[in-house]
Amino acid sequence: MNSHRRFKMNSPMKCLSLLTTVTVLVACLVPALPAHGKEVALTDAQVVNLVRRSYHYVAMYNIIHKFALKFGDRWNACVADTQLKDHTTREIARPNNDTLYITCLVDVRRDPLILEMPAFDSKYVSLMITAYDHYVNIPMATSQGDFGKPAKMLIYSARTEGYDGKPVEGVDRHFEATGDFVSVVFRVMPHANEPERFKRIITQMQSVKLVTLSEYRGGKAKPINDIKFPPVGKTDADIFGNNLLQVMQFVFNHTTFDPKDKLDQAVLAAYKPLGVVPGRKFDTTKVAAIDGARFRNTTEQIAKQILASTSTPEFRKKLFTVFLPKGQMILDVLLDQSVIGPIGMPASQALYPTIETVDGKPMNAMHDYVIRMAAKDLPPAKTFWSVTLYDLKNGFFIPNERKKYSVGENAGMKLNKDGGIEIYIAADKPEGVPEENWLPIERKDEAIDAILRLYIPDMEKMKTWQTPKAEMLKK
C-alpha cells in the first residue's frame, strides 16, 4: 500500500461510503493541517474521518458525564435502581427496561477503587466496565459462574497515582481500566414478578459500594475535586458542533493509548495536526479553528445513515461483533454501537436484533402494528428476553401514562394458550389484547423502533432462528 497516495473527495458521504477500505482511511489522514489557532481548510474526507474516529469517545464522554451530573457530580459512588427505567431517562439512547442497573462512576486518578459486591439472588447479573474509548469489558457475570458469593475487585488505570499494580490482600480481582474516568455498570434481573425475591435483590443491589485503596487500608480518601470537565451536549452532535477539540483533548489526557494498536494511533494521528495531543492543556489559541456547524452536519449525516441500515442483513451480522474488549473491535462496529446505543453487551451476554416490518417499511406511529411469535418461534434466550419500543430519532422510550415500554418477563407479558405471543404496538389497546402485551404510542408522524433483547442467547439455535417481523394493522 502506498501511504502517500491522495484522493480527491467532494462529498462527506462519498468519503463515508468509501472509508471502509484501508487505502481511503489512510488517505483521509494524510494532508498536513496547520494548527495553533489558525483557521484550517479541512477536506470533506478529513472531516468524515475525524467524526468516525471520534464518535465512540464523544458518545462515552457524553454518557459518563451526563450520569455524573444526574448524580450530583458524585464520583466514586454507586447508585442502585429501585424500579425499572422510564421515559424520563435521557442520559443514554435505547436504555434497558428489563433489568435494573447499579451505576458507579469511578475516578482512579489519585487512588485505586475497590468495588465491594454481595452475592445476588438473581438468575442474571453482569458487571460491565467501560472508559471513554467505548471498549466493553465483562469481567464478571452469572453466566461465568460469578456472583454466587461476595467479592472485591480493585480498579485502576495506567496513570493511577501511588499504585504499582501489585495484588492487595483481601481483594479477589484486579482490573486495569483503559481510562481514568470509568463507567462501572451492573445489570441485574430483578425478578419483578416475584415480590419477595424482588425486595431481596433490591437490598443486595443497595449494598454494592466503592472505597478507595487509602480508605481500605484505614486512611482517608484523597481529594478529587481538582478538575473541571468540558461541557456535555444534549446530543453527541452538540459536542461535535460546540466543543469537539476541548472534549477530545480531555479524553486524550485520561485514556491509555497503545502504541501497537492501529485504531489508537490513527485517532492520535488525525488530531495531532489540529493541536490536540495527549498530555497537553487545552488552549484555544494553540489548537486549530474548525467549523463546528460542518462537523455537526457530518455527524448527523453519518448517524442517519447508520440508523437507516439497522434492518439490513449486513447490520444484523454485526450484532455478533459489538461491545467487545480492546483489540477485538473494528472502527465500523465501534461507530455503529456508539450511534445506536452505547455501552451495551457482547453477544455472549445479550443480542439486540431490530424488529423489521413485513413490508420492509420503517415503523411509524401513524399506524398500529402486531408482532406475532408461535411457541416454537420464541427467542432462544437461556435466561430471558424482551421487546422494547423507542422513538427512532433519539432512542428514547415512548412516553405513556402506563409507563409501559417493553414486553417481557420483568415488564410483564402474557403467552397465549398455545404458548406463543402477540405483542401490539398501538395508540389504543386493541380489544381482547392483554394489558401486558400492549405497547402504547402517541398517534403522530414519528418513526418508531422495536428492539429485541436476548439474554444469554443460545448461539447454536441463533444460527437458524429468525427475528419476528411487525405487521401493520389495517384501520
Protein backbone atom coordinates (compact mmCIF):
# COMPACT_ATOMS: atom_id res chain seq x y z
CA MET A 1 0.00 0.00 0.00
CA ASN A 2 1.28 3.49 -0.83
CA SER A 3 0.56 5.53 2.30
CA HIS A 4 1.20 8.82 0.43
CA ARG A 5 -1.48 8.28 -2.15
CA ARG A 6 -4.09 11.06 -2.20
CA PHE A 7 -7.77 11.01 -3.14
CA LYS A 8 -9.99 13.89 -4.14
CA MET A 9 -13.35 13.79 -2.36
CA ASN A 10 -16.02 16.44 -2.67
CA SER A 11 -18.83 14.95 -0.60
CA PRO A 12 -18.67 13.80 3.05
CA MET A 13 -20.99 10.91 2.32
CA LYS A 14 -18.90 9.83 -0.66
CA CYS A 15 -15.96 9.56 1.69
CA LEU A 16 -18.12 7.76 4.22
CA SER A 17 -19.14 5.15 1.69
CA LEU A 18 -15.52 4.53 0.72
CA LEU A 19 -13.94 4.70 4.15
CA THR A 20 -14.46 1.00 4.66
CA THR A 21 -11.30 0.44 2.67
CA VAL A 22 -7.94 0.80 4.33
CA THR A 23 -6.50 2.82 1.47
CA VAL A 24 -9.04 5.61 1.74
CA LEU A 25 -8.86 5.58 5.54
CA VAL A 26 -5.17 6.36 5.26
CA ALA A 27 -5.77 8.91 2.51
CA CYS A 28 -8.21 10.79 4.74
CA LEU A 29 -5.44 11.20 7.30
CA VAL A 30 -2.62 12.28 5.02
CA PRO A 31 -2.85 16.02 4.24
CA ALA A 32 -0.97 18.07 6.82
CA LEU A 33 -3.05 20.67 8.62
CA PRO A 34 -1.95 23.93 10.23
CA ALA A 35 -2.58 24.28 13.95
CA HIS A 36 -2.03 26.82 16.72
CA GLY A 37 -5.28 28.75 16.48
CA LYS A 38 -5.27 29.17 12.73
CA GLU A 39 -8.31 28.59 10.52
CA VAL A 40 -7.86 25.30 8.71
CA ALA A 41 -9.23 24.18 5.37
CA LEU A 42 -10.28 20.61 6.07
CA THR A 43 -11.36 18.45 3.18
CA ASP A 44 -14.66 16.58 3.38
CA ALA A 45 -12.67 13.37 3.70
CA GLN A 46 -10.79 14.71 6.72
CA VAL A 47 -13.98 15.84 8.46
CA VAL A 48 -15.63 12.44 7.93
CA ASN A 49 -12.50 10.68 9.15
CA LEU A 50 -12.34 12.82 12.31
CA VAL A 51 -16.01 12.24 13.08
CA ARG A 52 -15.79 8.50 12.52
CA ARG A 53 -12.68 8.12 14.67
CA SER A 54 -14.04 10.39 17.42
CA TYR A 55 -17.64 9.26 17.71
CA HIS A 56 -17.15 6.48 20.27
CA TYR A 57 -15.07 8.76 22.50
CA VAL A 58 -17.59 11.58 22.26
CA ALA A 59 -20.56 9.28 22.91
CA MET A 60 -18.96 7.77 26.01
CA TYR A 61 -17.77 11.13 27.34
CA ASN A 62 -21.30 12.48 26.92
CA ILE A 63 -22.90 9.49 28.66
CA ILE A 64 -20.48 9.22 31.58
CA HIS A 65 -20.69 12.90 32.42
CA LYS A 66 -24.44 13.16 31.92
CA PHE A 67 -24.81 10.47 34.56
CA ALA A 68 -22.33 12.33 36.76
CA LEU A 69 -24.46 15.47 36.51
CA LYS A 70 -27.62 13.49 37.21
CA PHE A 71 -25.99 12.06 40.34
CA GLY A 72 -24.96 15.50 41.60
CA ASP A 73 -21.43 15.20 40.20
CA ARG A 74 -20.73 12.37 42.64
CA TRP A 75 -17.72 10.25 41.80
CA ASN A 76 -16.52 7.05 43.43
CA ALA A 77 -20.04 6.20 44.49
CA CYS A 78 -22.74 3.82 43.28
CA VAL A 79 -26.43 4.49 42.62
CA ALA A 80 -28.75 1.47 42.52
CA ASP A 81 -32.11 1.42 40.77
CA THR A 82 -35.14 0.51 42.82
CA GLN A 83 -37.51 0.40 39.83
CA LEU A 84 -37.25 -0.11 36.09
CA LYS A 85 -36.25 2.84 33.89
CA ASP A 86 -38.98 5.06 32.44
CA HIS A 87 -39.35 7.74 29.74
CA THR A 88 -37.59 10.37 31.87
CA THR A 89 -34.30 8.59 31.14
CA ARG A 90 -32.41 10.84 28.74
CA GLU A 91 -28.76 10.12 29.54
CA ILE A 92 -28.40 7.26 27.06
CA ALA A 93 -30.03 6.15 23.82
CA ARG A 94 -32.08 2.94 23.86
CA PRO A 95 -31.92 2.34 27.61
CA ASN A 96 -32.73 -1.00 29.17
CA ASN A 97 -36.17 -1.60 30.67
CA ASP A 98 -35.89 -5.28 31.60
CA THR A 99 -33.06 -5.23 34.12
CA LEU A 100 -32.17 -2.92 36.98
CA TYR A 101 -28.90 -1.03 36.97
CA ILE A 102 -26.28 -0.25 39.54
CA THR A 103 -24.27 2.63 38.12
CA CYS A 104 -20.90 3.51 39.63
CA LEU A 105 -18.83 6.43 38.36
CA VAL A 106 -15.17 5.92 39.12
CA ASP A 107 -12.24 8.37 39.17
CA VAL A 108 -8.98 6.44 39.60
CA ARG A 109 -6.52 9.31 39.09
CA ARG A 110 -5.50 9.61 42.72
CA ASP A 111 -6.25 6.16 44.13
CA PRO A 112 -7.40 2.72 43.00
CA LEU A 113 -11.03 1.96 43.84
CA ILE A 114 -12.20 -1.26 45.44
CA LEU A 115 -15.64 -2.44 44.38
CA GLU A 116 -17.34 -4.47 47.12
CA MET A 117 -20.10 -6.78 45.85
CA PRO A 118 -22.55 -9.14 47.60
CA ALA A 119 -23.92 -12.45 46.38
CA PHE A 120 -27.04 -11.89 44.24
CA ASP A 121 -30.28 -13.88 44.32
CA SER A 122 -30.87 -13.38 40.59
CA LYS A 123 -30.53 -15.67 37.60
CA TYR A 124 -28.88 -12.89 35.60
CA VAL A 125 -26.22 -10.41 36.78
CA SER A 126 -23.38 -8.91 34.76
CA LEU A 127 -20.66 -6.37 35.54
CA MET A 128 -19.58 -4.08 32.70
CA ILE A 129 -16.59 -1.72 32.81
CA THR A 130 -16.12 0.92 30.11
CA ALA A 131 -13.94 4.01 29.73
CA TYR A 132 -14.04 6.83 27.16
CA ASP A 133 -12.78 4.55 24.36
CA HIS A 134 -16.04 2.53 24.47
CA TYR A 135 -14.40 -0.87 24.64
CA VAL A 136 -16.65 -3.09 26.77
CA ASN A 137 -15.31 -5.49 29.37
CA ILE A 138 -17.46 -8.05 31.22
CA PRO A 139 -15.10 -9.26 33.96
CA MET A 140 -17.91 -10.89 35.97
CA ALA A 141 -21.27 -12.46 35.09
CA THR A 142 -23.58 -15.17 36.38
CA SER A 143 -23.01 -16.97 33.08
CA GLN A 144 -19.32 -17.16 34.03
CA GLY A 145 -20.10 -18.59 37.48
CA ASP A 146 -19.83 -15.30 39.37
CA PHE A 147 -21.99 -13.54 41.99
CA GLY A 148 -22.73 -16.68 43.94
CA LYS A 149 -20.64 -15.29 46.81
CA PRO A 150 -19.39 -11.83 47.90
CA ALA A 151 -16.34 -10.48 46.08
CA LYS A 152 -14.00 -7.47 45.93
CA MET A 153 -12.44 -6.03 42.77
CA LEU A 154 -9.73 -3.34 42.59
CA ILE A 155 -9.96 -0.96 39.62
CA TYR A 156 -7.07 1.24 38.44
CA SER A 157 -5.55 2.73 35.27
CA ALA A 158 -2.01 3.17 33.92
CA ARG A 159 -1.99 6.70 35.41
CA THR A 160 -3.33 5.91 38.90
CA GLU A 161 -1.07 7.60 41.42
CA GLY A 162 0.70 5.60 44.11
CA TYR A 163 -0.22 2.14 42.84
CA ASP A 164 2.22 -0.31 41.26
CA GLY A 165 -0.29 -2.90 40.06
CA LYS A 166 0.52 -5.45 42.74
CA PRO A 167 -2.22 -7.59 44.36
CA VAL A 168 -3.87 -6.25 47.51
CA GLU A 169 -4.56 -8.60 50.38
CA GLY A 170 -8.26 -9.38 50.78
CA VAL A 171 -9.09 -8.30 47.21
CA ASP A 172 -10.23 -11.09 44.89
CA ARG A 173 -9.70 -9.46 41.49
CA HIS A 174 -7.71 -6.62 39.94
CA PHE A 175 -8.82 -4.79 36.78
CA GLU A 176 -6.82 -2.23 34.77
CA ALA A 177 -9.18 0.18 33.04
CA THR A 178 -8.20 1.96 29.83
CA GLY A 179 -9.17 5.34 31.28
CA ASP A 180 -9.13 7.40 34.46
CA PHE A 181 -12.87 8.07 34.44
CA VAL A 182 -14.76 4.81 34.23
CA SER A 183 -18.36 3.67 33.95
CA VAL A 184 -18.97 0.58 36.09
CA VAL A 185 -22.44 -0.82 35.48
CA PHE A 186 -24.23 -3.87 36.87
CA ARG A 187 -27.26 -5.27 35.09
CA VAL A 188 -29.45 -7.28 37.44
CA MET A 189 -32.59 -9.17 36.54
CA PRO A 190 -34.95 -8.12 39.37
CA HIS A 191 -37.48 -10.97 39.14
CA ALA A 192 -40.16 -8.28 39.31
CA ASN A 193 -42.97 -10.85 39.22
CA GLU A 194 -41.72 -12.39 42.49
CA PRO A 195 -42.27 -9.60 45.11
CA GLU A 196 -40.23 -11.10 47.96
CA ARG A 197 -37.34 -12.01 45.71
CA PHE A 198 -37.52 -8.55 44.14
CA LYS A 199 -37.11 -6.98 47.61
CA ARG A 200 -34.11 -9.16 48.39
CA ILE A 201 -32.45 -8.23 45.14
CA ILE A 202 -33.02 -4.50 45.73
CA THR A 203 -31.39 -4.82 49.17
CA GLN A 204 -28.44 -6.66 47.64
CA MET A 205 -28.05 -4.02 44.95
CA GLN A 206 -28.02 -1.22 47.51
CA SER A 207 -25.17 -2.91 49.40
CA VAL A 208 -22.71 -2.51 46.49
CA LYS A 209 -20.14 0.16 47.37
CA LEU A 210 -16.83 1.69 46.36
CA VAL A 211 -13.94 2.53 48.70
CA THR A 212 -10.55 3.96 47.80
CA LEU A 213 -7.48 1.88 48.48
CA SER A 214 -6.47 4.51 51.04
CA GLU A 215 -9.77 4.03 52.89
CA TYR A 216 -9.49 0.26 52.61
CA ARG A 217 -6.16 0.48 54.40
CA GLY A 218 -7.62 2.64 57.17
CA GLY A 219 -6.77 6.10 55.84
CA LYS A 220 -8.74 8.90 54.19
CA ALA A 221 -9.77 9.26 50.58
CA LYS A 222 -7.59 11.60 48.54
CA PRO A 223 -9.32 14.76 47.21
CA ILE A 224 -10.58 14.50 43.61
CA ASN A 225 -12.33 17.88 43.28
CA ASP A 226 -9.40 19.46 41.46
CA ILE A 227 -10.70 19.03 37.92
CA LYS A 228 -13.10 20.84 35.61
CA PHE A 229 -14.85 18.81 32.93
CA PRO A 230 -15.70 20.18 29.46
CA PRO A 231 -19.46 20.75 28.93
CA VAL A 232 -21.60 17.82 27.80
CA GLY A 233 -24.08 18.08 24.94
CA LYS A 234 -27.76 17.32 24.79
CA THR A 235 -26.77 15.07 21.89
CA ASP A 236 -23.42 13.81 20.63
CA ALA A 237 -23.80 16.14 17.63
CA ASP A 238 -23.82 19.07 20.08
CA ILE A 239 -20.29 18.25 21.19
CA PHE A 240 -19.13 17.87 17.59
CA GLY A 241 -20.67 21.27 16.86
CA ASN A 242 -19.68 23.16 20.00
CA ASN A 243 -16.55 21.87 21.74
CA LEU A 244 -15.09 18.84 19.96
CA LEU A 245 -11.42 19.74 20.38
CA GLN A 246 -11.84 20.58 24.07
CA VAL A 247 -13.53 17.24 24.76
CA MET A 248 -11.03 15.24 22.73
CA GLN A 249 -8.10 16.92 24.49
CA PHE A 250 -9.62 15.92 27.82
CA VAL A 251 -10.24 12.39 26.56
CA PHE A 252 -6.67 12.10 25.28
CA ASN A 253 -5.30 13.16 28.66
CA HIS A 254 -7.25 10.48 30.53
CA THR A 255 -7.11 7.49 28.18
CA THR A 256 -4.49 4.78 27.69
CA PHE A 257 -3.31 4.60 24.07
CA ASP A 258 -1.43 1.52 22.94
CA PRO A 259 1.50 2.31 20.61
CA LYS A 260 0.83 -1.01 18.82
CA ASP A 261 -2.94 -0.50 18.41
CA LYS A 262 -3.82 0.76 14.93
CA LEU A 263 -7.09 2.43 15.97
CA ASP A 264 -5.39 4.21 18.86
CA GLN A 265 -2.61 5.51 16.66
CA ALA A 266 -4.99 6.55 13.86
CA VAL A 267 -7.07 8.81 16.11
CA LEU A 268 -3.94 10.38 17.59
CA ALA A 269 -2.60 10.98 14.08
CA ALA A 270 -5.87 12.58 12.99
CA TYR A 271 -5.84 15.10 15.84
CA LYS A 272 -2.14 15.93 16.09
CA PRO A 273 -2.25 18.41 13.17
CA LEU A 274 -5.13 20.18 14.94
CA GLY A 275 -3.01 20.75 18.04
CA VAL A 276 -4.69 18.06 20.17
CA VAL A 277 -2.20 15.57 21.62
CA PRO A 278 -2.07 13.58 24.88
CA GLY A 279 -0.71 15.43 27.90
CA ARG A 280 -1.38 18.94 26.62
CA LYS A 281 -3.54 21.52 28.36
CA PHE A 282 -6.41 22.71 26.16
CA ASP A 283 -5.76 26.22 24.89
CA THR A 284 -7.99 27.79 22.26
CA THR A 285 -5.08 29.87 20.97
CA LYS A 286 -2.99 26.78 20.30
CA VAL A 287 -5.48 24.49 18.59
CA ALA A 288 -6.85 24.76 15.09
CA ALA A 289 -10.05 26.65 14.42
CA ILE A 290 -12.62 24.25 12.98
CA ASP A 291 -16.10 24.75 11.56
CA GLY A 292 -18.42 23.35 14.24
CA ALA A 293 -21.52 23.55 12.05
CA ARG A 294 -19.80 21.44 9.42
CA PHE A 295 -18.80 18.82 11.98
CA ARG A 296 -22.32 18.76 13.42
CA ASN A 297 -23.85 18.29 9.97
CA THR A 298 -21.44 15.49 9.07
CA THR A 299 -22.12 13.77 12.41
CA GLU A 300 -25.87 13.90 11.85
CA GLN A 301 -25.49 12.53 8.30
CA ILE A 302 -23.37 9.63 9.50
CA ALA A 303 -25.79 8.82 12.34
CA LYS A 304 -28.75 8.98 9.97
CA GLN A 305 -27.11 6.59 7.54
CA ILE A 306 -26.28 4.09 10.30
CA LEU A 307 -29.81 4.22 11.75
CA ALA A 308 -31.23 3.56 8.28
CA SER A 309 -29.05 0.46 7.93
CA THR A 310 -30.18 -1.40 11.07
CA SER A 311 -32.64 -3.63 9.22
CA THR A 312 -30.12 -4.85 6.64
CA PRO A 313 -28.60 -8.35 6.70
CA GLU A 314 -25.14 -6.78 6.88
CA PHE A 315 -26.03 -4.91 10.06
CA ARG A 316 -27.55 -8.00 11.68
CA LYS A 317 -24.25 -9.81 11.19
CA LYS A 318 -22.51 -7.05 13.14
CA LEU A 319 -24.62 -7.85 16.22
CA PHE A 320 -22.28 -10.75 16.91
CA THR A 321 -19.23 -8.42 16.96
CA VAL A 322 -20.40 -5.43 19.04
CA PHE A 323 -19.35 -4.38 22.55
CA LEU A 324 -16.09 -6.30 22.75
CA PRO A 325 -12.84 -5.53 24.61
CA LYS A 326 -9.98 -3.54 23.14
CA GLY A 327 -8.15 -5.35 20.36
CA GLN A 328 -11.28 -7.17 19.20
CA MET A 329 -13.12 -4.26 17.55
CA ILE A 330 -13.06 -2.60 14.14
CA LEU A 331 -13.87 1.07 13.58
CA ASP A 332 -17.14 0.47 11.71
CA VAL A 333 -18.61 -1.53 14.59
CA LEU A 334 -17.35 0.93 17.22
CA LEU A 335 -19.13 3.65 15.27
CA ASP A 336 -22.33 1.65 14.83
CA GLN A 337 -22.63 0.72 18.51
CA SER A 338 -21.99 4.33 19.57
CA VAL A 339 -24.72 5.70 17.31
CA ILE A 340 -27.34 3.01 18.01
CA GLY A 341 -26.97 2.84 21.78
CA PRO A 342 -23.72 2.95 23.69
CA ILE A 343 -22.43 0.68 26.47
CA GLY A 344 -24.23 -2.50 25.58
CA MET A 345 -23.02 -6.06 25.97
CA PRO A 346 -21.31 -8.62 23.73
CA ALA A 347 -23.27 -11.36 22.03
CA SER A 348 -22.25 -13.92 24.64
CA GLN A 349 -24.27 -11.91 27.19
CA ALA A 350 -27.03 -10.36 25.08
CA LEU A 351 -28.14 -9.86 21.49
CA TYR A 352 -30.14 -6.87 20.27
CA PRO A 353 -31.80 -7.62 16.92
CA THR A 354 -34.04 -4.93 15.45
CA ILE A 355 -37.58 -5.97 14.53
CA GLU A 356 -38.33 -5.14 10.93
CA THR A 357 -41.76 -4.81 9.30
CA VAL A 358 -43.34 -7.37 6.99
CA ASP A 359 -43.41 -4.88 4.10
CA GLY A 360 -39.89 -3.60 4.82
CA LYS A 361 -41.05 -0.04 5.51
CA PRO A 362 -39.96 1.78 8.68
CA MET A 363 -42.49 1.72 11.51
CA ASN A 364 -44.34 4.99 12.13
CA ALA A 365 -46.65 6.00 14.97
CA MET A 366 -49.31 6.93 12.43
CA HIS A 367 -50.02 3.18 12.23
CA ASP A 368 -50.56 0.27 14.62
CA TYR A 369 -48.57 -2.99 14.46
CA VAL A 370 -48.55 -6.52 15.80
CA ILE A 371 -45.56 -8.80 16.39
CA ARG A 372 -46.57 -12.48 16.36
CA MET A 373 -44.48 -15.39 17.62
CA ALA A 374 -45.60 -19.00 17.81
CA ALA A 375 -44.26 -21.06 20.73
CA LYS A 376 -41.61 -22.64 18.50
CA ASP A 377 -40.50 -19.20 17.31
CA LEU A 378 -39.95 -17.54 20.70
CA PRO A 379 -36.47 -16.01 21.10
CA PRO A 380 -33.82 -18.64 22.02
CA ALA A 381 -32.64 -16.95 25.22
CA LYS A 382 -31.27 -19.10 28.04
CA THR A 383 -32.31 -16.63 30.73
CA PHE A 384 -34.98 -14.23 29.40
CA TRP A 385 -35.93 -11.95 26.51
CA SER A 386 -37.90 -8.75 25.89
CA VAL A 387 -39.19 -6.41 23.16
CA THR A 388 -38.67 -2.70 23.82
CA LEU A 389 -40.15 0.25 21.91
CA TYR A 390 -38.32 3.55 21.23
CA ASP A 391 -38.61 6.60 19.05
CA LEU A 392 -36.14 6.05 16.23
CA LYS A 393 -34.57 9.52 16.17
CA ASN A 394 -33.39 9.75 19.78
CA GLY A 395 -33.71 6.18 21.04
CA PHE A 396 -35.92 7.17 24.00
CA PHE A 397 -38.91 5.32 25.45
CA ILE A 398 -42.33 6.36 24.09
CA PRO A 399 -43.95 8.36 26.96
CA ASN A 400 -47.26 6.96 28.22
CA GLU A 401 -49.29 7.04 31.44
CA ARG A 402 -48.93 3.28 31.97
CA LYS A 403 -45.11 3.55 31.85
CA LYS A 404 -45.15 0.52 29.61
CA TYR A 405 -42.14 0.44 27.30
CA SER A 406 -41.34 -3.25 26.90
CA VAL A 407 -42.89 -6.69 26.91
CA GLY A 408 -41.04 -9.42 28.76
CA GLU A 409 -40.64 -11.34 31.98
CA ASN A 410 -39.92 -8.25 34.10
CA ALA A 411 -42.06 -5.59 32.43
CA GLY A 412 -44.92 -8.11 32.01
CA MET A 413 -46.09 -10.40 29.22
CA LYS A 414 -48.80 -12.98 28.70
CA LEU A 415 -48.42 -16.01 26.45
CA ASN A 416 -51.45 -17.30 24.55
CA LYS A 417 -53.00 -20.74 25.10
CA ASP A 418 -50.60 -22.28 22.58
CA GLY A 419 -47.50 -20.85 24.28
CA GLY A 420 -46.90 -18.13 21.71
CA ILE A 421 -47.42 -14.38 22.00
CA GLU A 422 -48.83 -11.40 20.12
CA ILE A 423 -47.34 -8.00 21.01
CA TYR A 424 -49.31 -4.95 19.91
CA ILE A 425 -47.87 -1.50 19.23
CA ALA A 426 -50.93 0.75 19.12
CA ALA A 427 -52.33 4.13 20.12
CA ASP A 428 -55.27 2.41 21.83
CA LYS A 429 -55.36 -1.07 23.31
CA PRO A 430 -56.97 -3.41 20.78
CA GLU A 431 -59.99 -5.30 22.07
CA GLY A 432 -59.12 -8.58 23.75
CA VAL A 433 -55.39 -7.87 23.95
CA PRO A 434 -53.83 -8.42 27.40
CA GLU A 435 -52.56 -5.22 29.04
CA GLU A 436 -49.15 -6.86 29.43
CA ASN A 437 -48.76 -7.25 25.66
CA TRP A 438 -49.69 -3.68 24.64
CA LEU A 439 -47.00 -1.08 23.92
CA PRO A 440 -48.72 2.34 23.70
CA ILE A 441 -47.80 5.03 21.16
CA GLU A 442 -48.99 8.57 20.55
CA ARG A 443 -50.68 8.98 17.18
CA LYS A 444 -48.33 11.30 15.30
CA ASP A 445 -45.86 11.26 12.43
CA GLU A 446 -42.92 9.78 14.32
CA ALA A 447 -40.56 6.97 13.32
CA ILE A 448 -40.50 4.23 15.96
CA ASP A 449 -38.16 1.34 16.60
CA ALA A 450 -38.67 -2.04 18.31
CA ILE A 451 -35.64 -3.94 19.60
CA LEU A 452 -35.45 -7.49 20.91
CA ARG A 453 -33.10 -8.34 23.76
CA LEU A 454 -32.00 -11.93 24.28
CA TYR A 455 -30.04 -12.52 27.48
CA ILE A 456 -27.51 -15.36 27.21
CA PRO A 457 -28.66 -16.35 23.73
CA ASP A 458 -28.39 -19.94 22.59
CA MET A 459 -25.78 -19.43 19.88
CA GLU A 460 -26.47 -22.76 18.19
CA LYS A 461 -30.17 -22.01 17.82
CA MET A 462 -29.38 -18.45 16.70
CA LYS A 463 -27.91 -19.92 13.52
CA THR A 464 -31.39 -20.79 12.23
CA TRP A 465 -33.75 -18.65 14.35
CA GLN A 466 -35.48 -15.82 12.50
CA THR A 467 -36.25 -12.48 14.15
CA PRO A 468 -40.03 -11.86 14.12
CA LYS A 469 -41.46 -9.10 11.96
CA ALA A 470 -44.02 -6.42 12.77
CA GLU A 471 -47.22 -6.44 10.70
CA MET A 472 -49.09 -3.19 10.11
CA LEU A 473 -52.72 -3.43 11.22
CA LYS A 474 -55.42 -2.26 8.85
CA LYS A 475 -57.55 0.62 10.06
